[in-house]
Amino acid sequence: MKIWISDIQSPSNRIIKLNCEDHSGFKYLGDFDDDKLKDFLLELQESINVDKNIKLLKYYGYLHLFIISKK
């Protein structure tokens, strides 16, 4: 599955938007299979529900993640 990404970071959080179609303002991330996508999501946050988020991305064609930075 081809994936495009928008990644907005601040000191307290990170907003990551993944899209399965070319979208203005997004950059091409790559062609991912399930294993590669699983590894990518776990790099973002270790406690993320990988299976649920992969299913959502496949079903809707996009996925928005809000990650809080813990310091």
N, C-alpha and C. Protein backbone atom coordinates (compact mmCIF):
# COMPACT_ATOMS: atom_id res chain seq x y z
N MET A 1 0.84 -1.16 0.00
CA MET A 1 0.00 0.00 0.00
C MET A 1 0.90 1.24 0.00
N LYS A 2 0.64 2.14 -0.92
CA LYS A 2 1.41 3.38 -1.01
C LYS A 2 0.89 4.36 0.03
N ILE A 3 1.81 5.02 0.72
CA ILE A 3 1.41 5.90 1.82
C ILE A 3 2.09 7.25 1.70
N TRP A 4 1.28 8.30 1.92
CA TRP A 4 1.77 9.67 2.00
C TRP A 4 1.59 10.14 3.43
N ILE A 5 2.47 11.06 3.88
CA ILE A 5 2.45 11.47 5.27
C ILE A 5 2.53 12.99 5.42
N SER A 6 1.86 13.48 6.44
CA SER A 6 2.01 14.84 6.93
C SER A 6 2.35 14.71 8.41
N ASP A 7 3.45 15.33 8.82
CA ASP A 7 3.92 15.19 10.19
C ASP A 7 4.15 16.58 10.78
N ILE A 8 3.33 16.95 11.76
CA ILE A 8 3.43 18.26 12.41
C ILE A 8 3.85 18.02 13.86
N GLN A 9 4.98 18.63 14.24
CA GLN A 9 5.50 18.41 15.58
C GLN A 9 5.56 19.72 16.37
N SER A 10 5.29 19.58 17.66
CA SER A 10 5.48 20.69 18.60
C SER A 10 6.17 20.09 19.83
N PRO A 11 6.59 20.91 20.77
CA PRO A 11 7.25 20.36 21.95
C PRO A 11 6.37 19.40 22.77
N SER A 12 5.05 19.56 22.72
CA SER A 12 4.17 18.73 23.55
C SER A 12 3.46 17.61 22.82
N ASN A 13 3.37 17.69 21.49
CA ASN A 13 2.65 16.65 20.76
C ASN A 13 3.11 16.54 19.32
N ARG A 14 2.56 15.55 18.66
CA ARG A 14 2.88 15.28 17.26
C ARG A 14 1.60 14.82 16.57
N ILE A 15 1.28 15.44 15.45
CA ILE A 15 0.11 15.04 14.67
C ILE A 15 0.60 14.43 13.37
N ILE A 16 0.27 13.17 13.17
CA ILE A 16 0.70 12.44 11.98
C ILE A 16 -0.54 12.05 11.20
N LYS A 17 -0.56 12.43 9.94
CA LYS A 17 -1.67 12.08 9.06
C LYS A 17 -1.12 11.19 7.95
N LEU A 18 -1.66 9.98 7.86
CA LEU A 18 -1.28 9.04 6.81
C LEU A 18 -2.43 8.96 5.81
N ASN A 19 -2.11 8.91 4.53
CA ASN A 19 -3.12 8.86 3.49
C ASN A 19 -2.68 7.87 2.42
N CYS A 20 -3.62 7.13 1.88
CA CYS A 20 -3.31 6.14 0.83
C CYS A 20 -3.37 6.72 -0.57
N GLU A 21 -3.68 8.00 -0.69
CA GLU A 21 -3.70 8.68 -1.98
C GLU A 21 -2.85 9.92 -1.90
N ASP A 22 -2.30 10.33 -3.04
CA ASP A 22 -1.51 11.55 -3.09
C ASP A 22 -2.38 12.72 -2.63
N HIS A 23 -1.86 13.50 -1.72
CA HIS A 23 -2.62 14.58 -1.11
C HIS A 23 -1.73 15.82 -1.08
N SER A 24 -2.27 16.99 -1.37
CA SER A 24 -1.45 18.20 -1.38
C SER A 24 -0.90 18.46 0.02
N GLY A 25 0.37 18.79 0.07
CA GLY A 25 1.02 19.07 1.34
C GLY A 25 1.57 17.82 2.03
N PHE A 26 1.29 16.66 1.50
CA PHE A 26 1.81 15.41 2.06
C PHE A 26 3.02 14.98 1.25
N LYS A 27 3.95 14.28 1.90
CA LYS A 27 5.10 13.77 1.15
C LYS A 27 5.00 12.24 1.09
N TYR A 28 5.51 11.70 0.01
CA TYR A 28 5.44 10.25 -0.21
C TYR A 28 6.35 9.53 0.78
N LEU A 29 5.78 8.60 1.52
CA LEU A 29 6.54 7.86 2.54
C LEU A 29 7.09 6.56 1.97
N GLY A 30 6.31 5.89 1.12
CA GLY A 30 6.79 4.65 0.52
C GLY A 30 5.67 3.66 0.30
N ASP A 31 6.05 2.49 -0.22
CA ASP A 31 5.11 1.40 -0.46
C ASP A 31 5.29 0.40 0.68
N PHE A 32 4.26 0.25 1.51
CA PHE A 32 4.36 -0.53 2.73
C PHE A 32 3.53 -1.81 2.64
N ASP A 33 4.11 -2.90 3.13
CA ASP A 33 3.30 -4.11 3.39
C ASP A 33 2.92 -4.06 4.87
N ASP A 34 2.16 -5.03 5.33
CA ASP A 34 1.68 -5.00 6.73
C ASP A 34 2.81 -5.01 7.74
N ASP A 35 3.86 -5.79 7.49
CA ASP A 35 4.97 -5.88 8.44
C ASP A 35 5.73 -4.56 8.54
N LYS A 36 5.98 -3.95 7.40
CA LYS A 36 6.70 -2.68 7.39
C LYS A 36 5.86 -1.58 8.04
N LEU A 37 4.55 -1.61 7.79
CA LEU A 37 3.65 -0.64 8.40
C LEU A 37 3.59 -0.84 9.92
N LYS A 38 3.58 -2.09 10.36
CA LYS A 38 3.57 -2.40 11.79
C LYS A 38 4.83 -1.84 12.46
N ASP A 39 5.98 -2.05 11.84
CA ASP A 39 7.24 -1.53 12.39
C ASP A 39 7.22 0.00 12.46
N PHE A 40 6.69 0.63 11.41
CA PHE A 40 6.62 2.10 11.38
C PHE A 40 5.75 2.62 12.51
N LEU A 41 4.57 2.03 12.71
CA LEU A 41 3.67 2.48 13.77
C LEU A 41 4.27 2.28 15.15
N LEU A 42 4.97 1.18 15.35
CA LEU A 42 5.61 0.93 16.65
C LEU A 42 6.76 1.89 16.92
N GLU A 43 7.42 2.37 15.85
CA GLU A 43 8.46 3.39 16.03
C GLU A 43 7.85 4.70 16.52
N LEU A 44 6.64 5.00 16.05
CA LEU A 44 5.97 6.23 16.46
C LEU A 44 5.59 6.18 17.92
N GLN A 45 5.00 5.06 18.34
CA GLN A 45 4.56 4.90 19.73
C GLN A 45 4.48 3.42 20.05
N GLU A 46 5.18 2.99 21.07
CA GLU A 46 5.25 1.58 21.42
C GLU A 46 3.92 1.01 21.89
N SER A 47 3.07 1.84 22.48
CA SER A 47 1.81 1.35 23.05
C SER A 47 0.63 1.41 22.06
N ILE A 48 0.90 1.71 20.81
CA ILE A 48 -0.17 1.86 19.82
C ILE A 48 -0.79 0.50 19.48
N ASN A 49 -2.10 0.49 19.24
CA ASN A 49 -2.80 -0.73 18.83
C ASN A 49 -2.58 -0.88 17.32
N VAL A 50 -1.58 -1.65 16.95
CA VAL A 50 -1.14 -1.76 15.57
C VAL A 50 -2.22 -2.37 14.67
N ASP A 51 -2.79 -3.50 15.07
CA ASP A 51 -3.78 -4.18 14.23
C ASP A 51 -4.99 -3.29 13.96
N LYS A 52 -5.49 -2.63 14.97
CA LYS A 52 -6.65 -1.75 14.82
C LYS A 52 -6.35 -0.61 13.85
N ASN A 53 -5.18 0.01 14.00
CA ASN A 53 -4.84 1.14 13.15
C ASN A 53 -4.55 0.75 11.71
N ILE A 54 -3.99 -0.42 11.49
CA ILE A 54 -3.79 -0.91 10.12
C ILE A 54 -5.14 -1.17 9.46
N LYS A 55 -6.07 -1.77 10.20
CA LYS A 55 -7.42 -2.02 9.65
C LYS A 55 -8.11 -0.71 9.31
N LEU A 56 -8.00 0.31 10.18
CA LEU A 56 -8.61 1.61 9.91
C LEU A 56 -8.01 2.26 8.67
N LEU A 57 -6.70 2.19 8.53
CA LEU A 57 -6.03 2.76 7.36
C LEU A 57 -6.48 2.07 6.08
N LYS A 58 -6.58 0.77 6.11
CA LYS A 58 -7.02 0.03 4.93
C LYS A 58 -8.48 0.32 4.59
N TYR A 59 -9.34 0.41 5.59
CA TYR A 59 -10.77 0.61 5.37
C TYR A 59 -11.08 2.04 4.89
N TYR A 60 -10.56 3.05 5.60
CA TYR A 60 -10.89 4.43 5.29
C TYR A 60 -9.93 5.07 4.28
N GLY A 61 -8.72 4.56 4.17
CA GLY A 61 -7.74 5.13 3.26
C GLY A 61 -6.93 6.26 3.87
N TYR A 62 -7.19 6.55 5.15
CA TYR A 62 -6.39 7.55 5.85
C TYR A 62 -6.40 7.23 7.34
N LEU A 63 -5.43 7.79 8.04
CA LEU A 63 -5.33 7.58 9.48
C LEU A 63 -4.67 8.81 10.09
N HIS A 64 -5.30 9.39 11.09
CA HIS A 64 -4.75 10.54 11.81
C HIS A 64 -4.36 10.09 13.21
N LEU A 65 -3.13 10.38 13.60
CA LEU A 65 -2.63 9.99 14.92
C LEU A 65 -2.21 11.23 15.69
N PHE A 66 -2.62 11.31 16.93
CA PHE A 66 -2.23 12.38 17.84
C PHE A 66 -1.37 11.75 18.93
N ILE A 67 -0.11 12.10 18.95
CA ILE A 67 0.82 11.48 19.90
C ILE A 67 1.32 12.55 20.86
N ILE A 68 1.13 12.32 22.16
CA ILE A 68 1.55 13.25 23.19
C ILE A 68 3.00 12.93 23.56
N SER A 69 3.83 13.96 23.59
CA SER A 69 5.23 13.79 23.97
C SER A 69 5.36 13.78 25.48
N LYS A 70 5.91 12.72 26.01
CA LYS A 70 6.11 12.62 27.46
C LYS A 70 7.57 12.93 27.76
N LYS A 71 7.77 13.91 28.63
CA LYS A 71 9.16 14.28 28.99
C LYS A 71 9.29 14.35 30.48
